[in-house]
Amino acid sequence: MLSRSAVLLLLGACATTHPDPSHATWTALDSGVEVSLRGLAVVSRDVAWASGADGVVLLTRDGGATFARLPIRGAEGLDLRSIHAFDDQRAVVVAAGSPARAFRTVDGGASWSLVLSDDRPAIFLDGIAFCGDRDGWIVGDPIDGRFVVLRSDDGGASWHPIGREPHAEPGEAAFAASGTAVACAGGRVRFATGGAVARVVGSDDDGSSWQWARMPMAQATASRGVFSLAFADARLGVAVGGDHLAPDAREGSAAFTVDGGRTWHASERPPAGYRSCVAIASGYGPGVRFAVGTNGADASDDGGRTWRRIGDARAALGHHAIAFAPASRIGFAVGPRGRISRIGG
């Protein structure tokens, strides 16, 4: 008969192990551009889209070995900070600032259609998310005391105001640092805010009504708040942010939820400063999340409760956005001056 210690050793040997996400390799890629990149959509190990300033949209189909630049007529000079891609053919890209524009392609960027246009001086769109192939959401800063919320029910071919936009508190807004201030929790839309107050605003009935959760994160000034959301499923989510004018300040830079965003808890050991984007990386394990910011990157293997600084020199350069292929250890990150990195093998 095996001793208790032998049984424990056997069970440990048979248990599924996952690599340490903080030790993942980061590899420099050649984007071919020098502009700031903030939009990122990773479809698979091989297919990823990126977007940014001066109307730049990039697409790789070979895991980052090469990037094709996809020009959009009418997007010259626009800052395309948000992008969502369904595959290597279909994508929607959104400009921040005024004029607001969104463009859609269904042929891999060979042609683009203008699907949203708003010339109001106060318009500023912060992010995009799709809760399925057809159900899309775009959120923008408040106008006349209400957040701009646009919806698509046809995969991004058309967009319309929902007509029941949630109220904003004075001095409250959203951030377009990575286009990921909007996310879906099990098919239900959530978006993050900051400034005077930091909240997560959500709807469980397609925008007919809205609920607010106050965040245990940095707030009270225009540079502080929640900058990015990500959900692993209908319950488990994570938020990152902080103060983009104090990139080394750790306090109030991350939180997590276990009830779909109704309540949030401050991370017990937060990231090493302001973070502009967070991503689910389930290929490394069920609780793994990565976060990036201007002073480096961090990883969590417990759903965002605690974070560890990633020591890779490439990660330490700073990035604006990060995303992983579904159920894969392969991801990409984008940043200033055309920076693109590949994470994992």
Protein backbone atom coordinates (compact mmCIF):
# COMPACT_ATOMS: atom_id res chain seq x y z
CA MET A 1 0.00 0.00 0.00
CA LEU A 2 1.28 3.45 -0.93
CA SER A 3 2.04 5.84 1.88
CA ARG A 4 0.14 9.11 2.13
CA SER A 5 3.20 11.04 0.99
CA ALA A 6 3.62 8.77 -2.02
CA VAL A 7 -0.02 9.29 -2.99
CA LEU A 8 0.39 13.05 -2.77
CA LEU A 9 3.50 12.89 -4.92
CA LEU A 10 1.67 10.77 -7.50
CA LEU A 11 -1.28 13.14 -7.58
CA GLY A 12 1.04 16.07 -8.02
CA ALA A 13 2.81 14.37 -10.89
CA CYS A 14 -0.50 13.65 -12.61
CA ALA A 15 -1.98 17.10 -12.05
CA THR A 16 -2.24 19.51 -14.95
CA THR A 17 0.45 22.14 -14.73
CA HIS A 18 0.55 25.53 -16.39
CA PRO A 19 3.56 27.67 -17.29
CA ASP A 20 4.25 30.76 -15.23
CA PRO A 21 2.72 33.63 -17.23
CA SER A 22 5.18 36.12 -15.80
CA HIS A 23 7.95 34.18 -17.58
CA ALA A 24 6.34 34.29 -21.03
CA THR A 25 8.66 35.49 -23.78
CA TRP A 26 8.01 38.79 -25.57
CA THR A 27 9.33 39.10 -29.12
CA ALA A 28 9.70 42.31 -31.13
CA LEU A 29 7.82 42.40 -34.43
CA ASP A 30 8.19 44.79 -37.37
CA SER A 31 4.96 46.74 -37.83
CA GLY A 32 6.30 48.89 -40.64
CA VAL A 33 4.82 52.05 -39.07
CA GLU A 34 5.92 54.63 -36.51
CA VAL A 35 2.55 55.83 -35.20
CA SER A 36 0.95 55.11 -31.83
CA LEU A 37 -1.04 51.87 -31.91
CA ARG A 38 -3.89 51.43 -29.40
CA GLY A 39 -6.43 49.17 -31.12
CA LEU A 40 -5.83 45.41 -31.09
CA ALA A 41 -7.91 42.36 -31.99
CA VAL A 42 -6.39 38.86 -31.89
CA VAL A 43 -8.44 36.25 -33.72
CA SER A 44 -6.07 33.26 -33.61
CA ARG A 45 -2.40 32.36 -33.19
CA ASP A 46 -1.82 33.62 -36.73
CA VAL A 47 -4.42 36.36 -37.30
CA ALA A 48 -4.32 39.73 -35.55
CA TRP A 49 -5.45 43.25 -36.41
CA ALA A 50 -4.02 46.50 -35.02
CA SER A 51 -5.03 50.14 -35.45
CA GLY A 52 -3.89 53.56 -34.40
CA ALA A 53 -3.08 57.13 -35.30
CA ASP A 54 -3.11 58.59 -38.82
CA GLY A 55 -5.77 56.11 -39.93
CA VAL A 56 -3.44 53.11 -39.65
CA VAL A 57 -4.90 49.59 -39.76
CA LEU A 58 -2.60 46.55 -39.86
CA LEU A 59 -3.33 42.85 -40.41
CA THR A 60 -1.14 39.79 -40.00
CA ARG A 61 -2.11 36.31 -41.14
CA ASP A 62 1.22 34.67 -40.33
CA GLY A 63 1.57 35.21 -36.61
CA GLY A 64 3.28 38.56 -36.92
CA ALA A 65 6.01 37.63 -39.39
CA THR A 66 4.54 40.26 -41.73
CA PHE A 67 1.93 43.01 -41.38
CA ALA A 68 -0.10 44.43 -44.25
CA ARG A 69 -1.18 48.06 -44.01
CA LEU A 70 -4.82 48.47 -45.04
CA PRO A 71 -5.67 52.03 -46.14
CA ILE A 72 -9.17 53.40 -45.48
CA ARG A 73 -10.43 56.23 -47.65
CA GLY A 74 -11.79 58.92 -45.36
CA ALA A 75 -9.78 57.80 -42.32
CA GLU A 76 -6.68 59.84 -43.07
CA GLY A 77 -5.60 61.64 -39.92
CA LEU A 78 -8.07 59.83 -37.67
CA ASP A 79 -6.95 58.13 -34.46
CA LEU A 80 -8.37 54.62 -34.79
CA ARG A 81 -8.10 53.54 -31.16
CA SER A 82 -10.71 50.74 -31.13
CA ILE A 83 -11.00 47.67 -33.32
CA HIS A 84 -12.98 44.43 -33.22
CA ALA A 85 -12.30 41.55 -35.61
CA PHE A 86 -14.32 38.40 -36.19
CA ASP A 87 -11.81 36.63 -38.47
CA ASP A 88 -9.23 37.55 -41.10
CA GLN A 89 -11.94 39.05 -43.34
CA ARG A 90 -14.36 40.96 -41.10
CA ALA A 91 -13.50 43.83 -38.77
CA VAL A 92 -14.90 47.12 -37.44
CA VAL A 93 -12.60 50.01 -36.52
CA VAL A 94 -13.61 53.13 -34.56
CA ALA A 95 -12.01 56.58 -34.35
CA ALA A 96 -11.67 58.49 -31.09
CA GLY A 97 -12.38 62.20 -31.02
CA SER A 98 -14.37 64.42 -33.35
CA PRO A 99 -15.35 63.71 -36.05
CA ALA A 100 -16.44 60.24 -34.94
CA ARG A 101 -16.19 57.57 -37.62
CA ALA A 102 -16.45 53.80 -37.79
CA PHE A 103 -15.52 51.67 -40.77
CA ARG A 104 -16.26 48.03 -41.57
CA THR A 105 -14.60 45.53 -43.88
CA VAL A 106 -15.82 42.10 -44.95
CA ASP A 107 -13.00 41.34 -47.39
CA GLY A 108 -9.86 41.49 -45.27
CA GLY A 109 -9.40 45.23 -45.65
CA ALA A 110 -9.48 45.35 -49.44
CA SER A 111 -12.44 47.71 -49.11
CA TRP A 112 -14.12 49.55 -46.24
CA SER A 113 -17.61 50.94 -45.67
CA LEU A 114 -18.38 53.98 -43.53
CA VAL A 115 -20.89 52.66 -40.99
CA LEU A 116 -20.96 55.48 -38.42
CA SER A 117 -20.52 59.23 -38.75
CA ASP A 118 -21.00 61.92 -36.10
CA ASP A 119 -19.58 65.42 -36.43
CA ARG A 120 -20.70 66.84 -33.08
CA PRO A 121 -17.76 68.74 -31.52
CA ALA A 122 -18.24 66.97 -28.16
CA ILE A 123 -18.32 63.42 -29.56
CA PHE A 124 -15.56 61.11 -28.31
CA LEU A 125 -15.92 57.34 -28.73
CA ASP A 126 -13.96 55.24 -26.26
CA GLY A 127 -14.36 51.57 -27.12
CA ILE A 128 -16.15 48.76 -28.91
CA ALA A 129 -17.23 45.24 -27.95
CA PHE A 130 -19.34 42.52 -29.51
CA CYS A 131 -21.41 40.14 -27.40
CA GLY A 132 -21.60 37.60 -30.22
CA ASP A 133 -21.25 37.90 -33.98
CA ARG A 134 -24.10 40.39 -34.42
CA ASP A 135 -24.62 42.24 -31.12
CA GLY A 136 -22.19 45.16 -30.96
CA TRP A 137 -21.75 48.10 -28.59
CA ILE A 138 -19.83 51.37 -28.86
CA VAL A 139 -19.56 53.69 -25.85
CA GLY A 140 -18.50 57.33 -25.81
CA ASP A 141 -18.03 60.19 -23.38
CA PRO A 142 -21.13 61.93 -22.01
CA ILE A 143 -22.98 64.59 -23.99
CA ASP A 144 -25.59 66.61 -22.14
CA GLY A 145 -25.14 64.45 -19.04
CA ARG A 146 -25.57 61.04 -20.67
CA PHE A 147 -23.04 58.57 -22.01
CA VAL A 148 -23.13 57.97 -25.74
CA VAL A 149 -24.16 54.34 -26.29
CA LEU A 150 -24.56 52.96 -29.81
CA ARG A 151 -25.69 49.48 -30.73
CA SER A 152 -25.50 47.21 -33.76
CA ASP A 153 -27.59 44.10 -34.33
CA ASP A 154 -26.12 43.23 -37.73
CA GLY A 155 -22.44 42.61 -37.05
CA GLY A 156 -21.45 46.26 -37.26
CA ALA A 157 -23.02 47.08 -40.63
CA SER A 158 -25.13 49.79 -38.97
CA TRP A 159 -25.21 51.57 -35.61
CA HIS A 160 -27.95 53.43 -33.77
CA PRO A 161 -28.39 55.18 -30.39
CA ILE A 162 -30.20 53.01 -27.87
CA GLY A 163 -32.35 55.91 -26.67
CA ARG A 164 -31.94 55.00 -22.99
CA GLU A 165 -28.40 56.16 -22.39
CA PRO A 166 -27.17 55.99 -18.77
CA HIS A 167 -26.61 59.18 -16.81
CA ALA A 168 -23.08 60.37 -16.07
CA GLU A 169 -22.06 62.10 -12.88
CA PRO A 170 -20.42 65.54 -13.20
CA GLY A 171 -16.80 65.12 -14.27
CA GLU A 172 -17.26 61.44 -15.20
CA ALA A 173 -16.10 60.09 -18.57
CA ALA A 174 -14.56 57.00 -20.15
CA PHE A 175 -11.07 56.37 -21.53
CA ALA A 176 -9.94 55.37 -25.01
CA ALA A 177 -6.41 54.30 -24.07
CA SER A 178 -6.83 50.83 -25.61
CA GLY A 179 -10.40 50.65 -26.90
CA THR A 180 -11.22 48.15 -24.15
CA ALA A 181 -13.32 50.23 -21.78
CA VAL A 182 -16.28 48.20 -23.10
CA ALA A 183 -16.62 44.44 -22.55
CA CYS A 184 -19.17 41.64 -22.50
CA ALA A 185 -19.87 39.45 -19.49
CA GLY A 186 -21.68 36.38 -20.74
CA GLY A 187 -23.45 38.37 -23.45
CA ARG A 188 -24.20 41.36 -21.22
CA VAL A 189 -22.54 44.70 -21.87
CA ARG A 190 -20.37 46.48 -19.31
CA PHE A 191 -18.31 49.66 -19.62
CA ALA A 192 -15.82 51.45 -17.38
CA THR A 193 -15.56 55.08 -16.35
CA GLY A 194 -13.26 57.44 -14.53
CA GLY A 195 -12.56 61.05 -13.75
CA ALA A 196 -14.61 62.41 -10.85
CA VAL A 197 -15.84 58.89 -10.09
CA ALA A 198 -14.77 55.42 -11.23
CA ARG A 199 -17.61 53.04 -11.98
CA VAL A 200 -18.58 50.04 -14.05
CA VAL A 201 -21.90 50.56 -15.79
CA GLY A 202 -23.80 47.54 -17.05
CA SER A 203 -27.05 46.35 -18.55
CA ASP A 204 -28.58 42.88 -18.35
CA ASP A 205 -31.50 43.69 -20.69
CA ASP A 206 -29.85 45.01 -23.87
CA GLY A 207 -29.73 48.59 -22.66
CA SER A 208 -33.30 48.99 -21.44
CA SER A 209 -31.98 49.68 -17.93
CA TRP A 210 -28.57 50.27 -16.39
CA GLN A 211 -26.85 49.48 -13.11
CA TRP A 212 -23.78 51.13 -11.59
CA ALA A 213 -21.00 49.68 -9.45
CA ARG A 214 -18.61 52.03 -7.66
CA MET A 215 -15.03 50.91 -8.15
CA PRO A 216 -12.32 50.55 -5.46
CA MET A 217 -9.86 52.19 -7.84
CA ALA A 218 -8.15 55.53 -8.41
CA GLN A 219 -10.56 58.40 -9.11
CA ALA A 220 -11.43 62.03 -8.26
CA THR A 221 -9.28 63.64 -10.99
CA ALA A 222 -9.57 63.60 -14.79
CA SER A 223 -6.50 61.37 -15.23
CA ARG A 224 -7.70 58.57 -12.92
CA GLY A 225 -10.18 55.76 -13.27
CA VAL A 226 -10.87 52.40 -14.88
CA PHE A 227 -9.27 52.17 -18.31
CA SER A 228 -9.95 48.56 -19.33
CA LEU A 229 -12.28 45.64 -18.61
CA ALA A 230 -12.13 41.94 -19.48
CA PHE A 231 -14.39 39.02 -18.57
CA ALA A 232 -13.54 35.33 -18.67
CA ASP A 233 -17.23 34.38 -18.48
CA ALA A 234 -20.52 35.72 -17.12
CA ARG A 235 -19.11 35.99 -13.57
CA LEU A 236 -15.36 36.43 -13.54
CA GLY A 237 -13.95 39.77 -14.62
CA VAL A 238 -11.04 42.10 -14.07
CA ALA A 239 -10.47 45.84 -14.36
CA VAL A 240 -7.28 47.87 -14.59
CA GLY A 241 -6.44 51.56 -14.70
CA GLY A 242 -5.04 54.00 -12.19
CA ASP A 243 -3.60 57.42 -12.99
CA HIS A 244 -2.05 57.84 -16.43
CA LEU A 245 -0.22 60.95 -15.22
CA ALA A 246 1.41 58.94 -12.41
CA PRO A 247 2.42 55.72 -14.23
CA ASP A 248 4.33 54.26 -11.26
CA ALA A 249 1.49 54.67 -8.75
CA ARG A 250 0.20 51.20 -7.84
CA GLU A 251 -2.66 52.06 -5.51
CA GLY A 252 -6.07 51.75 -7.13
CA SER A 253 -4.77 50.24 -10.36
CA ALA A 254 -6.75 46.97 -10.46
CA ALA A 255 -9.87 45.20 -9.21
CA PHE A 256 -11.74 41.95 -9.82
CA THR A 257 -15.32 40.68 -9.74
CA VAL A 258 -16.84 37.24 -9.23
CA ASP A 259 -20.48 38.21 -9.83
CA GLY A 260 -20.48 39.61 -13.35
CA GLY A 261 -19.52 43.14 -12.37
CA ARG A 262 -22.18 43.89 -9.77
CA THR A 263 -19.55 44.21 -7.05
CA TRP A 264 -15.79 44.67 -7.28
CA HIS A 265 -12.85 44.09 -4.94
CA ALA A 266 -9.50 45.87 -5.00
CA SER A 267 -6.57 43.66 -5.97
CA GLU A 268 -4.65 42.59 -2.88
CA ARG A 269 -1.33 43.06 -4.66
CA PRO A 270 -1.92 45.44 -7.58
CA PRO A 271 0.12 45.83 -10.76
CA ALA A 272 3.28 47.90 -10.70
CA GLY A 273 1.55 51.07 -11.85
CA TYR A 274 -1.04 52.49 -14.22
CA ARG A 275 -2.36 49.92 -16.69
CA SER A 276 -4.23 50.81 -19.88
CA CYS A 277 -5.34 47.32 -20.92
CA VAL A 278 -6.09 43.92 -19.43
CA ALA A 279 -6.60 40.61 -21.23
CA ILE A 280 -7.78 37.11 -20.41
CA ALA A 281 -5.10 34.51 -21.19
CA SER A 282 -6.82 31.20 -20.49
CA GLY A 283 -4.20 29.23 -22.42
CA TYR A 284 -1.91 29.75 -19.43
CA GLY A 285 -4.57 28.64 -16.95
CA PRO A 286 -8.15 29.48 -15.96
CA GLY A 287 -7.26 32.46 -13.76
CA VAL A 288 -4.53 34.05 -15.85
CA ARG A 289 -4.75 37.70 -16.89
CA PHE A 290 -2.15 40.03 -18.39
CA ALA A 291 -2.07 43.82 -18.04
CA VAL A 292 0.07 46.42 -19.82
CA GLY A 293 0.87 50.08 -19.33
CA THR A 294 3.45 52.68 -20.10
CA ASN A 295 5.96 51.41 -17.50
CA GLY A 296 5.69 47.67 -18.17
CA ALA A 297 3.45 44.65 -17.80
CA ASP A 298 2.11 42.33 -15.10
CA ALA A 299 0.48 38.91 -14.90
CA SER A 300 -2.03 37.39 -12.49
CA ASP A 301 -2.81 33.69 -12.11
CA ASP A 302 -5.64 34.10 -9.59
CA GLY A 303 -8.21 36.12 -11.49
CA GLY A 304 -6.70 39.51 -10.72
CA ARG A 305 -6.39 39.22 -6.94
CA THR A 306 -2.60 39.45 -7.04
CA TRP A 307 -0.21 40.59 -9.79
CA ARG A 308 3.47 39.96 -10.55
CA ARG A 309 5.70 42.20 -12.63
CA ILE A 310 6.82 40.62 -15.91
CA GLY A 311 10.58 40.82 -16.09
CA ASP A 312 11.03 40.46 -19.85
CA ALA A 313 12.94 43.47 -21.19
CA ARG A 314 10.58 43.84 -24.15
CA ALA A 315 7.55 43.93 -21.85
CA ALA A 316 9.23 46.61 -19.74
CA LEU A 317 9.30 49.01 -22.71
CA GLY A 318 5.59 49.68 -22.28
CA HIS A 319 2.53 48.94 -24.42
CA HIS A 320 -0.97 50.38 -24.78
CA ALA A 321 -3.00 47.23 -25.50
CA ILE A 322 -2.73 43.46 -25.20
CA ALA A 323 -4.89 40.53 -26.35
CA PHE A 324 -4.60 36.76 -26.64
CA ALA A 325 -5.89 34.22 -29.10
CA PRO A 326 -8.79 32.24 -27.61
CA ALA A 327 -7.60 29.38 -25.36
CA SER A 328 -4.02 30.00 -26.49
CA ARG A 329 -0.71 31.06 -24.97
CA ILE A 330 -0.07 33.25 -27.99
CA GLY A 331 -0.84 36.94 -27.70
CA PHE A 332 0.13 40.32 -29.10
CA ALA A 333 0.70 43.75 -27.59
CA VAL A 334 0.84 47.15 -29.29
CA GLY A 335 2.19 50.49 -28.18
CA PRO A 336 3.86 53.78 -29.07
CA ARG A 337 5.91 54.39 -32.23
CA GLY A 338 4.49 51.38 -34.03
CA ARG A 339 5.56 48.93 -31.32
CA ILE A 340 4.15 45.40 -31.70
CA SER A 341 5.24 42.41 -29.61
CA ARG A 342 4.31 38.74 -29.76
CA ILE A 343 3.85 36.96 -26.45
CA GLY A 344 4.50 33.25 -26.07
CA GLY A 345 5.91 30.67 -28.47
